[in-house]
Amino acid sequence: MSGNTNRFGWYLAVLQLFFTLCWTVYVIYLPKLAAAAGLAPRAVVLILLLDQAIFTVCDFATGVAADKVTRILGRLGTYVVAATALSCAAFLVMPMIAGLGAPALLAAILLWTVTSSALRAPPLMLLGKYARKPAIPFLSALAMLGYGIAGALGPYLTVALRDVDPRVPFAAASIVLMLTTLGMVSAERRLADQPLAPSKAQTARAFGTMTRPAIVFALGMIALALGYQMHFALDSAPLYLKFTKAPQLQWLMPVFWVGFNISMFPASVITRNIGGYAVMGGAALIGALAILAAHLAQSLEFLVVAQFAAGAAWGAILMSAFTVAFAIGENGGEGRMSGLLFSALALATLTRILTVASGINADPALKTVLQWVPTLCWAAAGSALLYLAIARVKRWMAT
């Protein structure tokens, strides 16, 4: 594995860590900012829905744009840094202008959300563009490590920042993220200067339309991401509260993310040897069983083990998903496929927020039905992905 590529993987981990922490800080303080701007509490949910709708569209759009920029101009880092500067500026001023009224706050939120997409698909696209195929699973695991660490820190931050002036974390998060992103230009240059693998040196293909593998992959990721959202965000806390009290949640909720972070690296070795479809499918089926076990748990200890296993499955799924995305978009469509992956994640988040906003999850009759959604989503998507993996092996053996 090239030293430059390996360093870029660590760089992406740090970038994803601080980007996700920015989002965590935003969600923690949004109710206070909305109240300061004179918005009703109901507006907070609508703003979060708007955020995810924008991410769903802009993640794919920035991925497509990243492909075009690198194909025409050869470099992407300068444009990512410029977009991030706008994003960080908008994020920084949110707590400062909230008192000016709703229009000022909403304008800052809109600018931040739109420009934030520059830090989702485009940086990850560079892995698919420049890294050698055998290294991609490990590097994807590195990149997602920052996302997983941020997820684990979320419950602690919710408690720790409860009484902190919002200007402090907003400023700290903005400055650190901007400083991290400034390294994008030199990091990309080091990657681009190294020799491409033969498979990466081919003429770029045209990606004007969505291919069948891309559509199947997108549908599978939506199902898997929806299962994750419904299980972790909606069901995990109530499951824990059957055995413990609310103050303990800050210590128990990160168990999922511990499993997530630990599993990605062993899973990357398996992905390198048997392929991303097989790992995604197998991990999804294991995760479906883990979620089922969590609902059937009769003790806190058993529930913790089940949650760890579910998090480990999600880590393997997400890491191998990038491997599959880069394989589908190889030689010109890496950004498009990275954007499609992030759009699927955003769409699942939007669906989960909409479920809460509509009150469906609070309806006693529907609540029982919704508890089965994560297991069914992961089982169905896992079976379909394993079928695709077997079909690919059969085609390979027939040639």
Protein backbone atom coordinates (compact mmCIF):
# COMPACT_ATOMS: atom_id res chain seq x y z
CA MET A 1 0.00 0.00 0.00
CA SER A 2 1.36 3.38 -1.00
CA GLY A 3 2.41 5.58 1.93
CA ASN A 4 0.66 8.56 0.34
CA THR A 5 -2.58 6.61 -0.04
CA ASN A 6 -2.38 5.30 3.52
CA ARG A 7 -1.85 8.83 4.87
CA PHE A 8 -4.79 10.05 2.84
CA GLY A 9 -6.97 7.39 4.46
CA TRP A 10 -6.02 8.73 7.91
CA TYR A 11 -6.62 12.26 6.67
CA LEU A 12 -10.12 11.31 5.56
CA ALA A 13 -10.77 9.74 8.97
CA VAL A 14 -9.95 13.04 10.68
CA LEU A 15 -12.00 14.98 8.13
CA GLN A 16 -15.06 12.76 8.61
CA LEU A 17 -14.62 12.93 12.39
CA PHE A 18 -14.80 16.72 12.57
CA PHE A 19 -17.45 17.01 9.88
CA THR A 20 -19.72 14.59 11.77
CA LEU A 21 -19.01 16.35 15.07
CA CYS A 22 -20.14 19.61 13.45
CA TRP A 23 -23.43 17.94 12.61
CA THR A 24 -23.72 16.62 16.19
CA VAL A 25 -23.14 20.10 17.64
CA TYR A 26 -25.71 21.53 15.22
CA VAL A 27 -28.41 19.02 16.22
CA ILE A 28 -27.71 19.60 19.94
CA TYR A 29 -28.11 23.37 19.74
CA LEU A 30 -30.68 23.74 16.95
CA PRO A 31 -33.68 23.92 19.35
CA LYS A 32 -32.01 26.79 21.27
CA LEU A 33 -31.04 28.61 18.09
CA ALA A 34 -34.54 28.23 16.67
CA ALA A 35 -36.08 29.58 19.89
CA ALA A 36 -33.68 32.56 19.82
CA ALA A 37 -34.76 33.26 16.23
CA GLY A 38 -38.42 33.24 17.24
CA LEU A 39 -39.28 29.93 15.56
CA ALA A 40 -41.80 27.53 17.06
CA PRO A 41 -40.49 24.18 18.40
CA ARG A 42 -42.21 22.43 15.50
CA ALA A 43 -39.90 24.27 13.09
CA VAL A 44 -36.87 22.32 14.38
CA VAL A 45 -38.15 19.07 12.88
CA LEU A 46 -38.99 20.82 9.60
CA ILE A 47 -35.47 22.29 9.43
CA LEU A 48 -33.93 18.86 10.01
CA LEU A 49 -36.13 17.41 7.27
CA LEU A 50 -35.04 20.20 4.92
CA ASP A 51 -31.39 19.50 5.79
CA GLN A 52 -31.68 15.85 4.82
CA ALA A 53 -33.66 16.63 1.66
CA ILE A 54 -30.87 19.00 0.60
CA PHE A 55 -28.20 16.39 1.43
CA THR A 56 -30.09 13.79 -0.63
CA VAL A 57 -29.96 16.01 -3.71
CA CYS A 58 -26.64 17.78 -3.18
CA ASP A 59 -24.60 14.71 -2.23
CA PHE A 60 -25.30 13.12 -5.59
CA ALA A 61 -24.89 16.43 -7.42
CA THR A 62 -21.51 17.17 -5.83
CA GLY A 63 -20.39 13.63 -6.60
CA VAL A 64 -21.22 14.12 -10.28
CA ALA A 65 -19.54 17.53 -10.23
CA ALA A 66 -16.42 16.03 -8.62
CA ASP A 67 -16.13 13.55 -11.49
CA LYS A 68 -16.38 16.36 -14.04
CA VAL A 69 -13.93 18.65 -12.24
CA THR A 70 -11.25 15.97 -11.92
CA ARG A 71 -11.79 14.84 -15.51
CA ILE A 72 -11.56 18.35 -16.98
CA LEU A 73 -9.29 20.25 -14.58
CA GLY A 74 -7.45 17.36 -12.94
CA ARG A 75 -7.71 18.71 -9.37
CA LEU A 76 -10.56 18.85 -6.90
CA GLY A 77 -9.03 20.03 -3.61
CA THR A 78 -9.15 23.77 -4.27
CA TYR A 79 -12.89 23.68 -4.95
CA VAL A 80 -13.58 21.54 -1.87
CA VAL A 81 -11.61 23.99 0.29
CA ALA A 82 -13.53 26.95 -1.17
CA ALA A 83 -16.90 25.31 -0.53
CA THR A 84 -15.80 24.34 2.98
CA ALA A 85 -14.78 27.93 3.73
CA LEU A 86 -18.34 29.04 2.94
CA SER A 87 -19.73 26.15 4.96
CA CYS A 88 -17.60 26.89 8.03
CA ALA A 89 -18.36 30.61 7.85
CA ALA A 90 -22.10 29.90 7.78
CA PHE A 91 -21.76 27.42 10.66
CA LEU A 92 -19.67 29.82 12.71
CA VAL A 93 -22.18 32.68 12.54
CA MET A 94 -25.32 30.64 13.31
CA PRO A 95 -25.32 31.30 17.08
CA MET A 96 -24.31 34.91 16.48
CA ILE A 97 -27.16 35.79 14.12
CA ALA A 98 -29.94 33.65 15.60
CA GLY A 99 -31.15 36.67 17.58
CA LEU A 100 -31.61 38.64 14.34
CA GLY A 101 -34.62 36.53 13.46
CA ALA A 102 -35.67 33.49 11.47
CA PRO A 103 -34.64 34.71 7.98
CA ALA A 104 -31.00 35.25 9.04
CA LEU A 105 -30.74 31.89 10.80
CA LEU A 106 -32.45 29.97 8.00
CA ALA A 107 -30.21 31.59 5.39
CA ALA A 108 -27.10 30.51 7.31
CA ILE A 109 -28.46 26.98 7.75
CA LEU A 110 -29.31 26.73 4.05
CA LEU A 111 -25.83 27.89 2.99
CA TRP A 112 -24.16 25.53 5.46
CA THR A 113 -26.21 22.51 4.37
CA VAL A 114 -25.68 23.04 0.65
CA THR A 115 -21.93 23.62 0.90
CA SER A 116 -21.41 20.82 3.44
CA SER A 117 -21.99 18.26 0.71
CA ALA A 118 -18.51 19.14 -0.59
CA LEU A 119 -17.07 17.24 2.39
CA ARG A 120 -19.10 14.07 1.91
CA ALA A 121 -18.80 12.44 -1.52
CA PRO A 122 -15.90 14.37 -3.17
CA PRO A 123 -13.10 13.55 -0.68
CA LEU A 124 -14.12 9.88 -0.56
CA MET A 125 -14.20 9.81 -4.36
CA LEU A 126 -10.44 10.39 -4.41
CA LEU A 127 -9.90 7.02 -2.77
CA GLY A 128 -11.75 5.28 -5.57
CA LYS A 129 -9.93 7.34 -8.17
CA TYR A 130 -6.33 6.94 -6.99
CA ALA A 131 -6.10 3.96 -4.62
CA ARG A 132 -5.24 0.50 -5.89
CA LYS A 133 -8.12 -1.99 -5.71
CA PRO A 134 -6.66 -4.25 -2.99
CA ALA A 135 -6.14 -1.23 -0.71
CA ILE A 136 -9.63 0.25 -1.07
CA PRO A 137 -11.39 -1.84 1.65
CA PHE A 138 -8.79 -0.94 4.30
CA LEU A 139 -8.76 2.72 3.27
CA SER A 140 -12.56 2.85 3.32
CA ALA A 141 -12.44 1.46 6.86
CA LEU A 142 -9.96 4.18 7.81
CA ALA A 143 -12.15 6.89 6.31
CA MET A 144 -15.24 5.62 8.15
CA LEU A 145 -13.34 5.36 11.43
CA GLY A 146 -13.81 9.10 11.96
CA TYR A 147 -17.54 8.73 11.36
CA GLY A 148 -17.73 5.91 13.89
CA ILE A 149 -15.74 7.76 16.56
CA ALA A 150 -17.99 10.78 16.15
CA GLY A 151 -21.03 8.54 16.55
CA ALA A 152 -19.62 7.16 19.79
CA LEU A 153 -18.90 10.66 21.11
CA GLY A 154 -22.41 11.92 20.33
CA PRO A 155 -24.10 10.86 23.60
CA TYR A 156 -21.25 12.34 25.67
CA LEU A 157 -21.39 15.65 23.79
CA THR A 158 -25.13 15.88 24.29
CA VAL A 159 -24.56 15.85 28.04
CA ALA A 160 -21.27 17.78 28.16
CA LEU A 161 -22.48 20.69 26.00
CA ARG A 162 -25.85 21.07 27.66
CA ASP A 163 -24.96 24.32 29.47
CA VAL A 164 -22.12 25.58 27.24
CA ASP A 165 -22.51 28.82 25.28
CA PRO A 166 -23.20 27.65 21.68
CA ARG A 167 -20.72 30.16 20.26
CA VAL A 168 -17.85 28.17 21.77
CA PRO A 169 -18.48 24.73 20.19
CA PHE A 170 -19.67 26.27 16.91
CA ALA A 171 -16.47 28.31 16.64
CA ALA A 172 -14.20 25.45 17.71
CA ALA A 173 -15.81 22.98 15.31
CA SER A 174 -15.70 25.44 12.39
CA ILE A 175 -12.05 26.39 12.89
CA VAL A 176 -10.82 22.83 13.33
CA LEU A 177 -12.78 21.57 10.32
CA MET A 178 -11.47 24.41 8.14
CA LEU A 179 -7.87 23.78 9.20
CA THR A 180 -8.30 20.08 8.46
CA THR A 181 -9.81 20.75 5.04
CA LEU A 182 -6.91 23.03 4.07
CA GLY A 183 -4.78 19.92 3.85
CA MET A 184 -6.98 18.66 1.03
CA VAL A 185 -4.98 20.40 -1.69
CA SER A 186 -1.61 18.94 -0.73
CA ALA A 187 -3.13 15.54 0.10
CA GLU A 188 -4.73 15.31 -3.33
CA ARG A 189 -1.54 16.44 -5.02
CA ARG A 190 0.46 13.67 -3.34
CA LEU A 191 -2.12 11.12 -4.43
CA ALA A 192 -2.27 12.39 -8.01
CA ASP A 193 1.53 12.41 -8.36
CA GLN A 194 1.89 8.70 -7.66
CA PRO A 195 1.66 6.24 -10.59
CA LEU A 196 -1.84 4.94 -11.25
CA ALA A 197 -2.52 1.23 -11.19
CA PRO A 198 -3.12 -0.19 -14.70
CA SER A 199 -6.86 -0.47 -14.05
CA LYS A 200 -6.97 3.20 -13.06
CA ALA A 201 -5.10 4.40 -16.12
CA GLN A 202 -7.81 3.51 -18.60
CA THR A 203 -9.82 6.05 -20.50
CA ALA A 204 -12.63 7.40 -18.36
CA ARG A 205 -16.06 6.08 -19.26
CA ALA A 206 -19.14 8.20 -19.77
CA PHE A 207 -21.54 8.15 -16.83
CA GLY A 208 -24.43 10.10 -18.25
CA THR A 209 -27.09 7.58 -17.16
CA MET A 210 -27.58 5.32 -14.18
CA THR A 211 -26.59 1.72 -14.84
CA ARG A 212 -28.51 -1.29 -13.53
CA PRO A 213 -25.82 -2.15 -10.92
CA ALA A 214 -25.91 1.45 -9.70
CA ILE A 215 -29.70 1.38 -9.31
CA VAL A 216 -29.64 -2.00 -7.52
CA PHE A 217 -26.86 -0.76 -5.26
CA ALA A 218 -28.78 2.44 -4.44
CA LEU A 219 -31.95 0.53 -3.55
CA GLY A 220 -29.98 -1.88 -1.38
CA MET A 221 -28.23 0.96 0.44
CA ILE A 222 -31.50 2.77 1.09
CA ALA A 223 -32.93 -0.39 2.68
CA LEU A 224 -29.79 -1.00 4.76
CA ALA A 225 -29.50 2.64 5.86
CA LEU A 226 -33.19 2.74 6.75
CA GLY A 227 -32.76 -0.36 8.89
CA TYR A 228 -29.82 1.25 10.68
CA GLN A 229 -31.71 4.51 11.27
CA MET A 230 -34.85 2.84 12.58
CA HIS A 231 -32.91 0.54 14.88
CA PHE A 232 -30.25 2.81 16.34
CA ALA A 233 -32.04 6.16 16.40
CA LEU A 234 -35.53 4.96 17.33
CA ASP A 235 -35.25 1.61 19.08
CA SER A 236 -31.89 1.50 20.87
CA ALA A 237 -32.69 3.89 23.74
CA PRO A 238 -36.10 2.30 24.54
CA LEU A 239 -34.48 -1.15 24.51
CA TYR A 240 -31.85 -0.04 27.02
CA LEU A 241 -34.44 1.70 29.19
CA LYS A 242 -36.13 -1.64 29.82
CA PHE A 243 -33.12 -2.57 31.97
CA THR A 244 -31.61 0.73 33.12
CA LYS A 245 -32.23 4.44 33.70
CA ALA A 246 -31.85 7.38 31.31
CA PRO A 247 -28.56 8.73 32.84
CA GLN A 248 -26.84 5.48 31.83
CA LEU A 249 -27.64 5.90 28.15
CA GLN A 250 -24.57 8.07 27.54
CA TRP A 251 -22.45 5.03 28.45
CA LEU A 252 -24.56 2.39 26.68
CA MET A 253 -25.45 4.01 23.35
CA PRO A 254 -21.80 4.09 22.18
CA VAL A 255 -21.63 0.27 22.39
CA PHE A 256 -23.08 0.15 18.87
CA TRP A 257 -20.27 2.39 17.62
CA VAL A 258 -17.58 0.40 19.41
CA GLY A 259 -18.71 -2.62 17.42
CA PHE A 260 -18.81 -0.47 14.28
CA ASN A 261 -15.21 0.72 14.65
CA ILE A 262 -13.76 -2.64 15.65
CA SER A 263 -15.39 -4.67 12.88
CA MET A 264 -14.41 -2.57 9.87
CA PHE A 265 -10.76 -3.58 9.71
CA PRO A 266 -11.22 -7.38 9.92
CA ALA A 267 -14.13 -7.00 7.48
CA SER A 268 -11.86 -5.07 5.09
CA VAL A 269 -9.58 -8.12 4.86
CA ILE A 270 -12.55 -10.34 4.06
CA THR A 271 -13.83 -7.83 1.49
CA ARG A 272 -10.46 -7.78 -0.25
CA ASN A 273 -10.62 -11.57 -0.63
CA ILE A 274 -14.27 -12.31 -1.43
CA GLY A 275 -15.69 -8.98 -2.61
CA GLY A 276 -17.91 -6.22 -1.30
CA TYR A 277 -21.28 -7.69 -2.33
CA ALA A 278 -20.68 -10.84 -0.30
CA VAL A 279 -19.55 -8.93 2.79
CA MET A 280 -22.44 -6.46 2.57
CA GLY A 281 -24.94 -9.31 2.22
CA GLY A 282 -23.43 -11.52 4.91
CA ALA A 283 -23.05 -8.65 7.38
CA ALA A 284 -26.64 -7.54 6.75
CA LEU A 285 -27.98 -11.02 7.57
CA ILE A 286 -25.84 -11.21 10.71
CA GLY A 287 -27.00 -7.72 11.65
CA ALA A 288 -30.64 -8.70 11.15
CA LEU A 289 -30.16 -11.55 13.64
CA ALA A 290 -28.40 -9.18 16.07
CA ILE A 291 -31.28 -6.68 15.92
CA LEU A 292 -33.76 -9.49 16.49
CA ALA A 293 -31.69 -10.66 19.46
CA ALA A 294 -31.69 -7.12 20.87
CA HIS A 295 -35.49 -7.08 20.88
CA LEU A 296 -35.64 -10.50 22.50
CA ALA A 297 -32.98 -9.74 25.13
CA GLN A 298 -33.93 -10.64 28.69
CA SER A 299 -31.01 -8.89 30.37
CA LEU A 300 -28.85 -5.81 29.95
CA GLU A 301 -25.75 -7.94 29.36
CA PHE A 302 -27.37 -9.83 26.49
CA LEU A 303 -28.66 -6.57 25.00
CA VAL A 304 -25.18 -5.02 25.09
CA VAL A 305 -23.76 -8.00 23.19
CA ALA A 306 -26.55 -7.78 20.61
CA GLN A 307 -26.02 -4.05 20.15
CA PHE A 308 -22.29 -4.57 19.73
CA ALA A 309 -22.98 -7.19 17.05
CA ALA A 310 -25.47 -4.92 15.26
CA GLY A 311 -22.92 -2.09 15.24
CA ALA A 312 -20.23 -4.45 13.96
CA ALA A 313 -22.55 -5.50 11.14
CA TRP A 314 -23.24 -1.88 10.19
CA GLY A 315 -19.51 -1.15 10.16
CA ALA A 316 -18.86 -4.05 7.78
CA ILE A 317 -21.80 -3.00 5.61
CA LEU A 318 -20.76 0.62 5.27
CA MET A 319 -17.08 -0.12 4.69
CA SER A 320 -17.80 -2.71 1.99
CA ALA A 321 -20.44 -0.43 0.45
CA PHE A 322 -17.72 2.04 -0.54
CA THR A 323 -15.74 -0.81 -2.08
CA VAL A 324 -18.76 -1.79 -4.18
CA ALA A 325 -19.51 1.84 -5.09
CA PHE A 326 -15.96 2.43 -6.33
CA ALA A 327 -16.05 -0.82 -8.32
CA ILE A 328 -19.29 0.16 -10.06
CA GLY A 329 -18.04 3.68 -10.80
CA GLU A 330 -14.48 2.72 -11.71
CA ASN A 331 -12.65 4.93 -14.23
CA GLY A 332 -14.77 8.05 -14.23
CA GLY A 333 -17.82 7.53 -12.03
CA GLU A 334 -16.31 7.24 -8.56
CA GLY A 335 -17.78 10.56 -7.46
CA ARG A 336 -21.20 9.74 -8.85
CA MET A 337 -21.31 6.46 -6.94
CA SER A 338 -19.94 8.01 -3.71
CA GLY A 339 -22.61 10.69 -3.99
CA LEU A 340 -25.26 8.05 -4.59
CA LEU A 341 -24.18 6.25 -1.42
CA PHE A 342 -24.32 9.40 0.71
CA SER A 343 -27.67 10.34 -0.84
CA ALA A 344 -29.06 6.95 0.19
CA LEU A 345 -27.86 7.56 3.75
CA ALA A 346 -29.45 11.02 3.78
CA LEU A 347 -32.73 9.70 2.38
CA ALA A 348 -32.89 7.08 5.13
CA THR A 349 -32.25 9.76 7.76
CA LEU A 350 -34.99 11.91 6.23
CA THR A 351 -37.40 8.96 6.41
CA ARG A 352 -36.59 8.37 10.07
CA ILE A 353 -37.11 12.05 10.98
CA LEU A 354 -40.37 12.06 9.02
CA THR A 355 -41.49 8.99 10.96
CA VAL A 356 -40.92 10.83 14.24
CA ALA A 357 -42.46 14.07 12.98
CA SER A 358 -45.64 12.31 11.86
CA GLY A 359 -45.97 10.52 15.21
CA ILE A 360 -46.11 7.10 13.58
CA ASN A 361 -43.50 5.72 15.95
CA ALA A 362 -45.60 6.79 18.95
CA ASP A 363 -48.75 5.00 17.76
CA PRO A 364 -49.04 1.82 19.88
CA ALA A 365 -50.51 -0.16 16.99
CA LEU A 366 -47.81 0.88 14.52
CA LYS A 367 -44.93 0.84 16.99
CA THR A 368 -44.87 -2.96 17.07
CA VAL A 369 -44.84 -3.06 13.27
CA LEU A 370 -42.00 -0.54 13.05
CA GLN A 371 -39.86 -2.67 15.36
CA TRP A 372 -39.70 -5.27 12.61
CA VAL A 373 -38.61 -2.80 9.92
CA PRO A 374 -34.84 -2.91 10.67
CA THR A 375 -34.73 -6.71 10.71
CA LEU A 376 -36.78 -7.00 7.53
CA CYS A 377 -34.76 -4.30 5.72
CA TRP A 378 -31.43 -5.90 6.55
CA ALA A 379 -32.62 -9.45 5.88
CA ALA A 380 -34.14 -8.55 2.50
CA ALA A 381 -31.20 -6.42 1.35
CA GLY A 382 -28.69 -8.97 2.65
CA SER A 383 -30.36 -11.82 0.77
CA ALA A 384 -30.46 -9.78 -2.45
CA LEU A 385 -26.80 -8.79 -2.16
CA LEU A 386 -25.71 -12.37 -1.48
CA TYR A 387 -27.69 -13.44 -4.55
CA LEU A 388 -25.81 -10.86 -6.60
CA ALA A 389 -22.49 -12.06 -5.17
CA ILE A 390 -23.27 -15.68 -6.09
CA ALA A 391 -24.44 -14.64 -9.56
CA ARG A 392 -21.17 -12.75 -10.12
CA VAL A 393 -19.15 -15.81 -9.10
CA LYS A 394 -21.13 -18.03 -11.47
CA ARG A 395 -20.56 -15.60 -14.37
CA TRP A 396 -16.86 -15.48 -13.54
CA MET A 397 -16.62 -19.28 -13.48
CA ALA A 398 -18.48 -19.53 -16.80
CA THR A 399 -15.97 -17.27 -18.60
